[in-house]
């Protein structure tokens, strides 16, 4: 009797539109469904087939998963037709446009989520939002729904800690060559040394396509989390 009085939890999963991010977060959604949760995965039309195929691979465990495709406003942001994932971006010059499009996509997702609480009995009011790492607007969507928000980065906490240390203290700028080792005391007392040539440029300053925009995204994300 008690089980019938408690609605099943409903997770809204919003992958960051990059194949390497989408596959593991969809797998997480399927695991949640296998434990009895309702799961709505929100993606773009061109990525819906990839997401659905991943869901189908989970078999019976994915019975509670619904894949919803929402139009991606790429053309409005100056992107070519069909550019809805990071691997679709034809030029680094269009990366800022892609972030503009994902922000507008977030507005469409928010409108969709406002309708979810009254959608169906099988998918009750969203109780949690799980979003890709660059969807900084997801915190606002979750707050509006009165639900917690978890951010999926796709890599481990230690990697995040190292990137944050590099961003803040910039020890790599003191080395004389790309092969020189420098200390990265991100987690004392453990010792960790790194080469400049191995530094992940996409995650650390110096090699970003849009360094200013990326820093603004980071600050916005921190403000949303506070």
Protein backbone atom coordinates (compact mmCIF):
# COMPACT_ATOMS: atom_id res chain seq x y z
CA UNK A 1 0.00 0.00 0.00
CA UNK A 2 2.80 2.43 0.89
CA UNK A 3 4.46 1.86 -2.49
CA UNK A 4 1.30 3.00 -4.29
CA UNK A 5 1.22 6.24 -2.29
CA UNK A 6 4.79 7.21 -3.19
CA UNK A 7 5.31 8.17 -6.84
CA UNK A 8 8.42 6.81 -8.49
CA UNK A 9 11.32 9.27 -8.78
CA UNK A 10 11.56 11.00 -12.15
CA UNK A 11 15.01 11.95 -13.44
CA UNK A 12 15.36 14.45 -16.27
CA UNK A 13 18.68 13.74 -18.02
CA UNK A 14 20.10 16.39 -20.37
CA UNK A 15 23.34 15.22 -22.04
CA UNK A 16 25.94 17.69 -23.23
CA UNK A 17 25.79 17.29 -27.05
CA UNK A 18 29.08 15.47 -27.56
CA UNK A 19 29.21 11.74 -28.31
CA UNK A 20 31.78 11.00 -25.61
CA UNK A 21 29.53 12.67 -23.03
CA UNK A 22 26.22 11.36 -24.29
CA UNK A 23 26.98 7.65 -24.16
CA UNK A 24 27.95 7.44 -20.44
CA UNK A 25 25.20 9.78 -19.22
CA UNK A 26 22.60 7.79 -21.17
CA UNK A 27 23.97 4.64 -19.54
CA UNK A 28 23.46 6.30 -16.16
CA UNK A 29 19.87 7.06 -17.13
CA UNK A 30 19.31 3.41 -18.02
CA UNK A 31 20.77 2.29 -14.69
CA UNK A 32 18.38 4.62 -12.88
CA UNK A 33 15.48 3.17 -14.86
CA UNK A 34 16.61 -0.36 -14.06
CA UNK A 35 16.20 0.52 -10.38
CA UNK A 36 12.60 1.59 -10.93
CA UNK A 37 12.91 5.30 -11.70
CA UNK A 38 11.20 7.12 -14.53
CA UNK A 39 13.77 8.77 -16.80
CA UNK A 40 13.31 11.41 -19.48
CA UNK A 41 16.38 11.99 -21.66
CA UNK A 42 16.21 15.31 -23.50
CA UNK A 43 18.36 15.65 -26.58
CA UNK A 44 18.39 17.14 -30.08
CA UNK A 45 16.79 15.61 -33.20
CA UNK A 46 20.09 14.59 -34.80
CA UNK A 47 21.25 12.93 -31.58
CA UNK A 48 17.99 11.19 -30.72
CA UNK A 49 18.83 8.11 -32.80
CA UNK A 50 22.19 7.71 -31.04
CA UNK A 51 20.53 8.10 -27.65
CA UNK A 52 17.69 5.72 -28.49
CA UNK A 53 20.07 3.07 -29.79
CA UNK A 54 22.01 3.26 -26.53
CA UNK A 55 18.78 2.96 -24.55
CA UNK A 56 17.68 -0.03 -26.62
CA UNK A 57 20.96 -1.81 -25.82
CA UNK A 58 20.00 -1.79 -22.15
CA UNK A 59 17.08 -4.13 -22.89
CA UNK A 60 14.34 -4.52 -20.31
CA UNK A 61 16.20 -2.32 -17.86
CA UNK A 62 15.43 0.72 -20.00
CA UNK A 63 11.65 0.26 -19.96
CA UNK A 64 11.20 3.43 -17.91
CA UNK A 65 13.25 5.63 -20.26
CA UNK A 66 11.66 8.14 -22.61
CA UNK A 67 13.79 9.92 -25.21
CA UNK A 68 12.54 13.40 -26.09
CA UNK A 69 13.97 15.42 -28.98
CA UNK A 70 13.74 19.20 -28.82
CA UNK A 71 14.74 21.31 -31.86
CA UNK A 72 18.24 22.74 -31.61
CA UNK A 73 18.43 26.43 -32.61
CA UNK A 74 21.72 26.10 -34.46
CA UNK A 75 20.72 28.16 -37.49
CA UNK A 76 19.61 31.02 -35.23
CA UNK A 77 23.13 31.09 -33.78
CA UNK A 78 24.85 31.03 -37.17
CA UNK A 79 25.61 27.30 -37.33
CA UNK A 80 25.18 25.21 -40.49
CA UNK A 81 22.15 22.93 -40.79
CA UNK A 82 22.45 19.75 -38.75
CA UNK A 83 25.20 21.08 -36.48
CA UNK A 84 23.82 19.80 -33.18
CA UNK A 85 26.84 18.11 -31.56
CA UNK A 86 30.40 19.18 -30.93
CA UNK A 87 31.66 16.70 -33.52
CA UNK A 88 29.47 18.47 -36.09
CA UNK A 89 31.20 21.84 -35.65
CA UNK A 90 33.10 22.45 -38.92
CA UNK A 91 35.45 25.16 -37.63
CA UNK A 92 36.85 26.29 -34.27
CA UNK A 93 35.57 29.76 -35.13
CA UNK A 94 32.02 28.45 -34.67
CA UNK A 95 32.53 27.14 -31.14
CA UNK A 96 31.18 30.37 -29.58
CA UNK A 97 28.13 30.10 -31.84
CA UNK A 98 27.58 26.56 -30.58
CA UNK A 99 27.52 27.78 -26.98
CA UNK A 100 25.02 30.47 -27.94
CA UNK A 101 22.84 27.78 -29.52
CA UNK A 102 23.04 25.54 -26.45
CA UNK A 103 21.96 28.46 -24.25
CA UNK A 104 18.91 28.98 -26.45
CA UNK A 105 18.34 25.24 -26.42
CA UNK A 106 18.21 25.53 -22.65
CA UNK A 107 15.31 27.97 -22.93
CA UNK A 108 13.39 25.41 -25.00
CA UNK A 109 14.23 22.69 -22.48
CA UNK A 110 12.94 24.88 -19.66
CA UNK A 111 9.63 25.38 -21.47
CA UNK A 112 9.34 21.63 -21.98
CA UNK A 113 10.13 20.85 -18.35
CA UNK A 114 7.40 23.20 -17.15
CA UNK A 115 4.91 20.88 -18.84
CA UNK A 116 6.41 17.66 -17.44
CA UNK A 117 4.75 17.77 -13.99
CA UNK A 118 1.34 17.21 -15.60
CA UNK A 119 2.46 14.97 -18.45
CA UNK A 120 1.56 11.38 -17.48
CA UNK A 121 1.24 9.20 -14.42
CA UNK A 122 4.15 7.10 -15.68
CA UNK A 123 6.37 10.19 -15.68
CA UNK A 124 5.38 12.26 -12.61
CA UNK A 125 6.78 15.59 -11.55
CA UNK A 126 10.57 15.71 -12.10
CA UNK A 127 12.39 14.98 -8.86
CA UNK A 128 15.97 15.43 -10.11
CA UNK A 129 17.86 16.96 -13.05
CA UNK A 130 21.12 15.44 -14.32
CA UNK A 131 22.81 17.65 -16.91
CA UNK A 132 25.97 17.77 -18.98
CA UNK A 133 28.85 19.86 -17.69
CA UNK A 134 28.43 22.90 -19.95
CA UNK A 135 24.67 23.25 -19.54
CA UNK A 136 25.03 26.06 -17.00
CA UNK A 137 21.33 26.89 -17.37
CA UNK A 138 20.33 23.47 -15.96
CA UNK A 139 20.59 24.77 -12.39
CA UNK A 140 17.91 27.34 -13.15
CA UNK A 141 15.64 24.71 -14.67
CA UNK A 142 16.05 22.47 -11.62
CA UNK A 143 15.45 25.38 -9.26
CA UNK A 144 12.23 26.24 -11.07
CA UNK A 145 11.10 22.62 -10.75
CA UNK A 146 12.05 22.53 -7.08
CA UNK A 147 14.42 19.64 -7.77
CA UNK A 148 18.12 19.04 -7.09
CA UNK A 149 20.57 19.27 -9.98
CA UNK A 150 23.62 17.09 -10.55
CA UNK A 151 26.26 17.95 -13.16
CA UNK A 152 27.86 15.13 -15.14
CA UNK A 153 31.44 15.90 -16.19
CA UNK A 154 32.37 12.62 -17.79
CA UNK A 155 35.68 12.32 -15.98
CA UNK A 156 36.80 11.75 -12.41
CA UNK A 157 36.93 14.15 -9.48
CA UNK A 158 40.75 14.06 -9.39
CA UNK A 159 40.93 15.25 -13.00
CA UNK A 160 38.57 18.10 -12.12
CA UNK A 161 40.74 18.99 -9.13
CA UNK A 162 43.90 19.05 -11.27
CA UNK A 163 42.26 21.27 -13.89
CA UNK A 164 41.05 23.66 -11.21
CA UNK A 165 44.56 23.84 -9.73
CA UNK A 166 46.05 24.55 -13.17
CA UNK A 167 43.46 27.24 -13.83
CA UNK A 168 44.04 28.91 -10.46
CA UNK A 169 47.79 28.58 -9.85
CA UNK A 170 49.10 28.07 -13.43
CA UNK A 171 52.33 26.19 -12.48
CA UNK A 172 52.81 25.15 -16.12
CA UNK A 173 53.75 28.73 -17.07
CA UNK A 174 57.04 28.47 -15.15
CA UNK A 175 58.49 25.57 -17.17
CA UNK A 176 61.18 26.08 -19.78
CA UNK A 177 60.13 23.40 -22.28
CA UNK A 178 57.13 21.20 -23.10
CA UNK A 179 59.03 18.16 -21.76
CA UNK A 180 59.92 19.66 -18.38
CA UNK A 181 58.08 18.17 -15.43
CA UNK A 182 56.31 20.43 -12.95
CA UNK A 183 54.66 19.64 -9.63
CA UNK A 184 50.90 19.60 -9.37
CA UNK A 185 50.22 19.51 -5.60
CA UNK A 186 46.47 19.33 -6.03
CA UNK A 187 45.96 16.57 -3.48
CA UNK A 188 48.67 16.65 -0.80
CA UNK A 189 50.42 14.69 0.57
CA UNK A 190 50.32 12.76 -2.70
CA UNK A 191 52.89 13.77 -5.32
CA UNK A 192 51.89 14.27 -8.92
CA UNK A 193 54.10 15.60 -11.73
CA UNK A 194 53.03 16.67 -15.16
CA UNK A 195 54.53 17.68 -18.51
CA UNK A 196 53.40 20.81 -20.29
CA UNK A 197 52.93 18.86 -23.52
CA UNK A 198 50.46 16.57 -21.72
CA UNK A 199 48.37 19.40 -20.30
CA UNK A 200 44.74 19.08 -21.43
CA UNK A 201 44.36 22.27 -23.42
CA UNK A 202 40.63 21.96 -23.86
CA UNK A 203 40.14 22.07 -20.10
CA UNK A 204 42.83 24.52 -19.06
CA UNK A 205 43.58 28.11 -20.07
CA UNK A 206 46.05 28.91 -22.80
CA UNK A 207 44.77 26.74 -25.64
CA UNK A 208 41.07 27.55 -25.53
CA UNK A 209 39.35 28.64 -28.70
CA UNK A 210 37.27 31.12 -26.74
CA UNK A 211 39.09 31.66 -23.48
CA UNK A 212 37.01 34.65 -22.37
CA UNK A 213 33.74 32.91 -23.11
CA UNK A 214 34.86 29.76 -21.33
CA UNK A 215 35.80 31.75 -18.22
CA UNK A 216 32.41 33.45 -18.24
CA UNK A 217 30.77 30.02 -18.45
CA UNK A 218 32.79 28.83 -15.46
CA UNK A 219 31.85 31.86 -13.37
CA UNK A 220 28.18 31.50 -14.30
CA UNK A 221 28.26 27.84 -13.32
CA UNK A 222 29.78 28.65 -9.92
CA UNK A 223 27.15 31.32 -9.27
CA UNK A 224 24.36 28.88 -10.13
CA UNK A 225 25.78 26.29 -7.75
CA UNK A 226 25.89 28.73 -4.81
